[in-house]
C-alpha atoms as a PDB file:
ATOM      1  CA  UNK A   1      15.669 -16.355 -17.847  1.00  0.00           C
ATOM      2  CA  UNK A   2      13.742 -17.190 -14.255  1.00  0.00           C
ATOM      3  CA  UNK A   3      15.212 -14.449 -13.006  1.00  0.00           C
ATOM      4  CA  UNK A   4      14.663 -11.982 -15.421  1.00  0.00           C
ATOM      5  CA  UNK A   5      10.808 -12.866 -15.006  1.00  0.00           C
ATOM      6  CA  UNK A   6      11.024 -12.807 -11.366  1.00  0.00           C
ATOM      7  CA  UNK A   7      12.501  -9.295 -11.934  1.00  0.00           C
ATOM      8  CA  UNK A   8       9.854  -8.118 -14.596  1.00  0.00           C
ATOM      9  CA  UNK A   9       7.136  -9.658 -12.240  1.00  0.00           C
ATOM     10  CA  UNK A  10       8.193  -7.891  -9.046  1.00  0.00           C
ATOM     11  CA  UNK A  11       8.562  -4.395 -10.960  1.00  0.00           C
ATOM     12  CA  UNK A  12       5.027  -4.816 -12.741  1.00  0.00           C
ATOM     13  CA  UNK A  13       3.619  -6.149  -9.276  1.00  0.00           C
ATOM     14  CA  UNK A  14       5.180  -2.760  -7.379  1.00  0.00           C
ATOM     15  CA  UNK A  15       3.846  -0.568 -10.203  1.00  0.00           C
ATOM     16  CA  UNK A  16       0.383  -1.766  -9.571  1.00  0.00           C
ATOM     17  CA  UNK A  17       0.961  -1.634  -5.729  1.00  0.00           C
ATOM     18  CA  UNK A  18       2.086   2.187  -6.341  1.00  0.00           C
ATOM     19  CA  UNK A  19      -1.069   2.869  -7.778  1.00  0.00           C
ATOM     20  CA  UNK A  20      -3.379   1.218  -5.425  1.00  0.00           C
ATOM     21  CA  UNK A  21      -1.401   3.317  -2.580  1.00  0.00           C
ATOM     22  CA  UNK A  22      -2.226   5.998  -4.299  1.00  0.00           C
ATOM     23  CA  UNK A  23      -5.865   4.943  -4.276  1.00  0.00           C
ATOM     24  CA  UNK A  24      -5.749   3.939  -0.652  1.00  0.00           C
ATOM     25  CA  UNK A  25      -4.771   7.228   0.044  1.00  0.00           C
ATOM     26  CA  UNK A  26      -7.998   8.624  -1.851  1.00  0.00           C
ATOM     27  CA  UNK A  27      -9.903   6.666   0.454  1.00  0.00           C
ATOM     28  CA  UNK A  28      -8.353   7.199   3.651  1.00  0.00           C
ATOM     29  CA  UNK A  29      -9.058  11.020   2.914  1.00  0.00           C
ATOM     30  CA  UNK A  30     -12.588  11.303   1.535  1.00  0.00           C
ATOM     31  CA  UNK A  31     -14.238   8.731   2.760  1.00  0.00           C
ATOM     32  CA  UNK A  32     -14.342  10.125   6.620  1.00  0.00           C
ATOM     33  CA  UNK A  33     -14.956  13.807   4.893  1.00  0.00           C
ATOM     34  CA  UNK A  34     -18.281  12.044   2.705  1.00  0.00           C
ATOM     35  CA  UNK A  35     -16.391  12.878  -0.687  1.00  0.00           C
ATOM     36  CA  UNK A  36     -17.175  10.320  -3.073  1.00  0.00           C
ATOM     37  CA  UNK A  37     -13.818   8.352  -4.280  1.00  0.00           C
ATOM     38  CA  UNK A  38     -14.778   7.904  -7.815  1.00  0.00           C
ATOM     39  CA  UNK A  39     -15.220  11.870  -8.546  1.00  0.00           C
ATOM     40  CA  UNK A  40     -13.913  14.979  -8.145  1.00  0.00           C
ATOM     41  CA  UNK A  41     -10.249  15.723  -9.401  1.00  0.00           C
ATOM     42  CA  UNK A  42      -7.367  15.540  -6.450  1.00  0.00           C
ATOM     43  CA  UNK A  43      -6.889  18.811  -4.730  1.00  0.00           C
ATOM     44  CA  UNK A  44      -4.510  20.317  -2.194  1.00  0.00           C
ATOM     45  CA  UNK A  45      -6.236  20.157   1.474  1.00  0.00           C
ATOM     46  CA  UNK A  46      -4.719  23.174   2.167  1.00  0.00           C
ATOM     47  CA  UNK A  47      -5.541  25.739  -0.302  1.00  0.00           C
ATOM     48  CA  UNK A  48      -7.853  23.437  -2.789  1.00  0.00           C
ATOM     49  CA  UNK A  49      -6.097  23.527  -5.972  1.00  0.00           C
ATOM     50  CA  UNK A  50      -6.715  20.902  -8.229  1.00  0.00           C
ATOM     51  CA  UNK A  51      -3.617  18.756  -8.775  1.00  0.00           C
ATOM     52  CA  UNK A  52      -1.789  18.357 -12.836  1.00  0.00           C
ATOM     53  CA  UNK A  53      -1.157  14.797 -13.507  1.00  0.00           C
ATOM     54  CA  UNK A  54       2.353  15.727 -12.940  1.00  0.00           C
ATOM     55  CA  UNK A  55       1.548  16.322  -9.045  1.00  0.00           C
ATOM     56  CA  UNK A  56      -0.194  12.825  -8.604  1.00  0.00           C
ATOM     57  CA  UNK A  57       2.503  10.519 -10.176  1.00  0.00           C
ATOM     58  CA  UNK A  58       2.926   8.443  -6.665  1.00  0.00           C
ATOM     59  CA  UNK A  59       6.091   8.765  -4.667  1.00  0.00           C
ATOM     60  CA  UNK A  60       7.796  10.701  -7.187  1.00  0.00           C
ATOM     61  CA  UNK A  61       5.810  14.182  -7.523  1.00  0.00           C
ATOM     62  CA  UNK A  62       6.062  13.786  -3.742  1.00  0.00           C
ATOM     63  CA  UNK A  63       9.732  13.718  -3.497  1.00  0.00           C
ATOM     64  CA  UNK A  64      10.488  16.114  -6.688  1.00  0.00           C
ATOM     65  CA  UNK A  65       8.425  18.752  -5.202  1.00  0.00           C
ATOM     66  CA  UNK A  66      10.245  18.645  -2.047  1.00  0.00           C
ATOM     67  CA  UNK A  67       7.390  17.528   0.178  1.00  0.00           C
ATOM     68  CA  UNK A  68       5.287  21.089  -0.505  1.00  0.00           C
ATOM     69  CA  UNK A  69       2.204  21.266  -2.413  1.00  0.00           C
ATOM     70  CA  UNK A  70       3.196  22.978  -5.891  1.00  0.00           C
ATOM     71  CA  UNK A  71       0.471  26.077  -5.067  1.00  0.00           C
ATOM     72  CA  UNK A  72       0.378  27.444  -1.560  1.00  0.00           C
ATOM     73  CA  UNK A  73       3.811  25.574  -0.460  1.00  0.00           C
ATOM     74  CA  UNK A  74       1.922  23.754   2.716  1.00  0.00           C
ATOM     75  CA  UNK A  75       3.856  20.334   3.759  1.00  0.00           C
ATOM     76  CA  UNK A  76       2.484  17.203   2.628  1.00  0.00           C
ATOM     77  CA  UNK A  77       2.275  14.853   4.760  1.00  0.00           C
ATOM     78  CA  UNK A  78       4.406  11.901   4.636  1.00  0.00           C
ATOM     79  CA  UNK A  79       2.038   9.063   5.110  1.00  0.00           C
ATOM     80  CA  UNK A  80       0.913   9.880   1.422  1.00  0.00           C
ATOM     81  CA  UNK A  81       4.779   8.699   0.277  1.00  0.00           C
ATOM     82  CA  UNK A  82       4.860   5.685   2.903  1.00  0.00           C
ATOM     83  CA  UNK A  83       1.331   4.181   2.137  1.00  0.00           C
ATOM     84  CA  UNK A  84       2.422   4.362  -1.460  1.00  0.00           C
ATOM     85  CA  UNK A  85       5.682   2.626  -0.785  1.00  0.00           C
ATOM     86  CA  UNK A  86       4.820  -0.146   1.092  1.00  0.00           C
ATOM     87  CA  UNK A  87       1.637  -0.967  -1.209  1.00  0.00           C
ATOM     88  CA  UNK A  88       4.510  -0.823  -3.769  1.00  0.00           C
ATOM     89  CA  UNK A  89       6.226  -3.085  -1.807  1.00  0.00           C
ATOM     90  CA  UNK A  90       4.142  -5.807  -0.488  1.00  0.00           C
ATOM     91  CA  UNK A  91       2.911  -5.864  -4.119  1.00  0.00           C
ATOM     92  CA  UNK A  92       6.324  -6.498  -5.401  1.00  0.00           C
ATOM     93  CA  UNK A  93       7.035  -9.100  -3.138  1.00  0.00           C
ATOM     94  CA  UNK A  94       3.688 -10.823  -4.100  1.00  0.00           C
ATOM     95  CA  UNK A  95       4.925 -10.410  -7.911  1.00  0.00           C
ATOM     96  CA  UNK A  96       8.143 -12.121  -7.137  1.00  0.00           C
ATOM     97  CA  UNK A  97       6.446 -15.008  -5.020  1.00  0.00           C
ATOM     98  CA  UNK A  98       4.458 -15.754  -7.748  1.00  0.00           C
ATOM     99  CA  UNK A  99       7.378 -16.723 -10.385  1.00  0.00           C
ATOM    100  CA  UNK A 100       8.881 -19.979 -10.384  1.00  0.00           C
ATOM    101  CA  UNK A 101      12.226 -18.029  -8.817  1.00  0.00           C
ATOM    102  CA  UNK A 102       9.925 -17.002  -6.002  1.00  0.00           C
ATOM    103  CA  UNK A 103       8.933 -20.823  -5.867  1.00  0.00           C
ATOM    104  CA  UNK A 104      12.328 -22.382  -6.002  1.00  0.00           C
ATOM    105  CA  UNK A 105      13.391 -20.190  -3.090  1.00  0.00           C
ATOM    106  CA  UNK A 106      10.692 -21.766  -0.845  1.00  0.00           C
ATOM    107  CA  UNK A 107       8.174 -18.742  -0.453  1.00  0.00           C
ATOM    108  CA  UNK A 108       4.928 -20.091   0.907  1.00  0.00           C
ATOM    109  CA  UNK A 109       2.284 -20.451  -0.973  1.00  0.00           C
ATOM    110  CA  UNK A 110       0.260 -19.021   1.151  1.00  0.00           C
ATOM    111  CA  UNK A 111       1.683 -15.887   0.997  1.00  0.00           C
ATOM    112  CA  UNK A 112      -0.070 -15.527  -1.891  1.00  0.00           C
ATOM    113  CA  UNK A 113      -3.342 -15.638  -0.366  1.00  0.00           C
ATOM    114  CA  UNK A 114      -2.092 -13.166   2.792  1.00  0.00           C
ATOM    115  CA  UNK A 115      -1.562  -9.974  -0.034  1.00  0.00           C
ATOM    116  CA  UNK A 116      -4.830  -8.928  -0.395  1.00  0.00           C
ATOM    117  CA  UNK A 117      -4.988  -9.254   3.401  1.00  0.00           C
ATOM    118  CA  UNK A 118      -1.850  -7.433   3.892  1.00  0.00           C
ATOM    119  CA  UNK A 119      -3.326  -4.463   2.003  1.00  0.00           C
ATOM    120  CA  UNK A 120      -6.576  -4.276   3.748  1.00  0.00           C
ATOM    121  CA  UNK A 121      -4.102  -4.318   6.500  1.00  0.00           C
ATOM    122  CA  UNK A 122      -2.371  -1.284   5.673  1.00  0.00           C
ATOM    123  CA  UNK A 123      -5.352   0.692   4.813  1.00  0.00           C
ATOM    124  CA  UNK A 124      -6.857  -0.312   8.264  1.00  0.00           C
ATOM    125  CA  UNK A 125      -3.229   0.358  10.482  1.00  0.00           C
ATOM    126  CA  UNK A 126      -2.968   4.100   8.395  1.00  0.00           C
ATOM    127  CA  UNK A 127      -7.037   4.725   8.688  1.00  0.00           C
ATOM    128  CA  UNK A 128      -6.900   4.109  12.364  1.00  0.00           C
ATOM    129  CA  UNK A 129      -3.747   5.973  12.858  1.00  0.00           C
ATOM    130  CA  UNK A 130      -4.995   9.382  10.887  1.00  0.00           C
ATOM    131  CA  UNK A 131      -8.363   9.532  11.983  1.00  0.00           C
ATOM    132  CA  UNK A 132      -8.595   7.293  15.593  1.00  0.00           C
ATOM    133  CA  UNK A 133      -5.092   9.307  16.705  1.00  0.00           C
ATOM    134  CA  UNK A 134      -4.556   5.878  17.796  1.00  0.00           C
ATOM    135  CA  UNK A 135       0.116   5.608  18.398  1.00  0.00           C
ATOM    136  CA  UNK A 136       0.964   3.564  15.382  1.00  0.00           C
ATOM    137  CA  UNK A 137       3.033   1.251  17.592  1.00  0.00           C
ATOM    138  CA  UNK A 138      -0.611   0.082  19.124  1.00  0.00           C
ATOM    139  CA  UNK A 139      -2.232   0.174  16.084  1.00  0.00           C
ATOM    140  CA  UNK A 140       0.966  -2.263  14.310  1.00  0.00           C
ATOM    141  CA  UNK A 141       1.362  -4.873  17.140  1.00  0.00           C
ATOM    142  CA  UNK A 142      -2.444  -5.246  17.277  1.00  0.00           C
ATOM    143  CA  UNK A 143      -2.516  -6.113  13.321  1.00  0.00           C
ATOM    144  CA  UNK A 144       0.449  -7.946  13.725  1.00  0.00           C
ATOM    145  CA  UNK A 145      -1.287 -10.309  16.069  1.00  0.00           C
ATOM    146  CA  UNK A 146      -3.838 -10.640  13.653  1.00  0.00           C
ATOM    147  CA  UNK A 147      -1.670 -11.304  10.607  1.00  0.00           C
ATOM    148  CA  UNK A 148       0.169 -13.770  12.567  1.00  0.00           C
ATOM    149  CA  UNK A 149      -2.994 -15.586  13.931  1.00  0.00           C
ATOM    150  CA  UNK A 150      -4.188 -15.790  10.047  1.00  0.00           C
ATOM    151  CA  UNK A 151      -1.272 -17.081   8.740  1.00  0.00           C
ATOM    152  CA  UNK A 152      -1.223 -19.842  11.137  1.00  0.00           C
ATOM    153  CA  UNK A 153      -5.120 -20.947   9.783  1.00  0.00           C
ATOM    154  CA  UNK A 154      -4.062 -20.141   6.394  1.00  0.00           C
ATOM    155  CA  UNK A 155      -1.039 -22.658   6.930  1.00  0.00           C
ATOM    156  CA  UNK A 156      -3.154 -25.283   9.031  1.00  0.00           C
ATOM    157  CA  UNK A 157      -5.801 -25.232   6.032  1.00  0.00           C
ATOM    158  CA  UNK A 158      -3.637 -25.550   3.532  1.00  0.00           C
ATOM    159  CA  UNK A 159      -1.215 -28.119   4.655  1.00  0.00           C
ATOM    160  CA  UNK A 160      -1.284 -31.705   3.555  1.00  0.00           C
ATOM    161  CA  UNK A 161      -0.641 -33.329   7.034  1.00  0.00           C
ATOM    162  CA  UNK A 162      -4.124 -33.286   8.212  1.00  0.00           C
END
């Protein structure tokens, strides 16, 4: 019973992560260009054609379209699928962690506090990489150090030792 709840929560959170990853891509693309993230339909960056709902299914549309726009055949950046997949993985892990199975497996409760932080870090890594043209390894190293420091601080603050 507990295992089925863990699987359900991981899948539910993973699907939520796919949707949030898709929204993250919208933000990364539109905000620097001064476009609204709340208004306007999604469109191909190459030809400007408004995308249909079938073109907007996270990761699956990217794969089913052969990584190309349905209308102009321009290549779609793998960044879209990577951001959606990473965010889905982070949220699926959080969904597992909040179940009894996750607690029984000794997952640290502090991880739940890091889930929103992880989302922000994914945003900042891809934002920096995409907009600032900073090599991804430099960005990842800096972000990993930031996460390690925050995790140590949270572990200390929420430990019962002090």
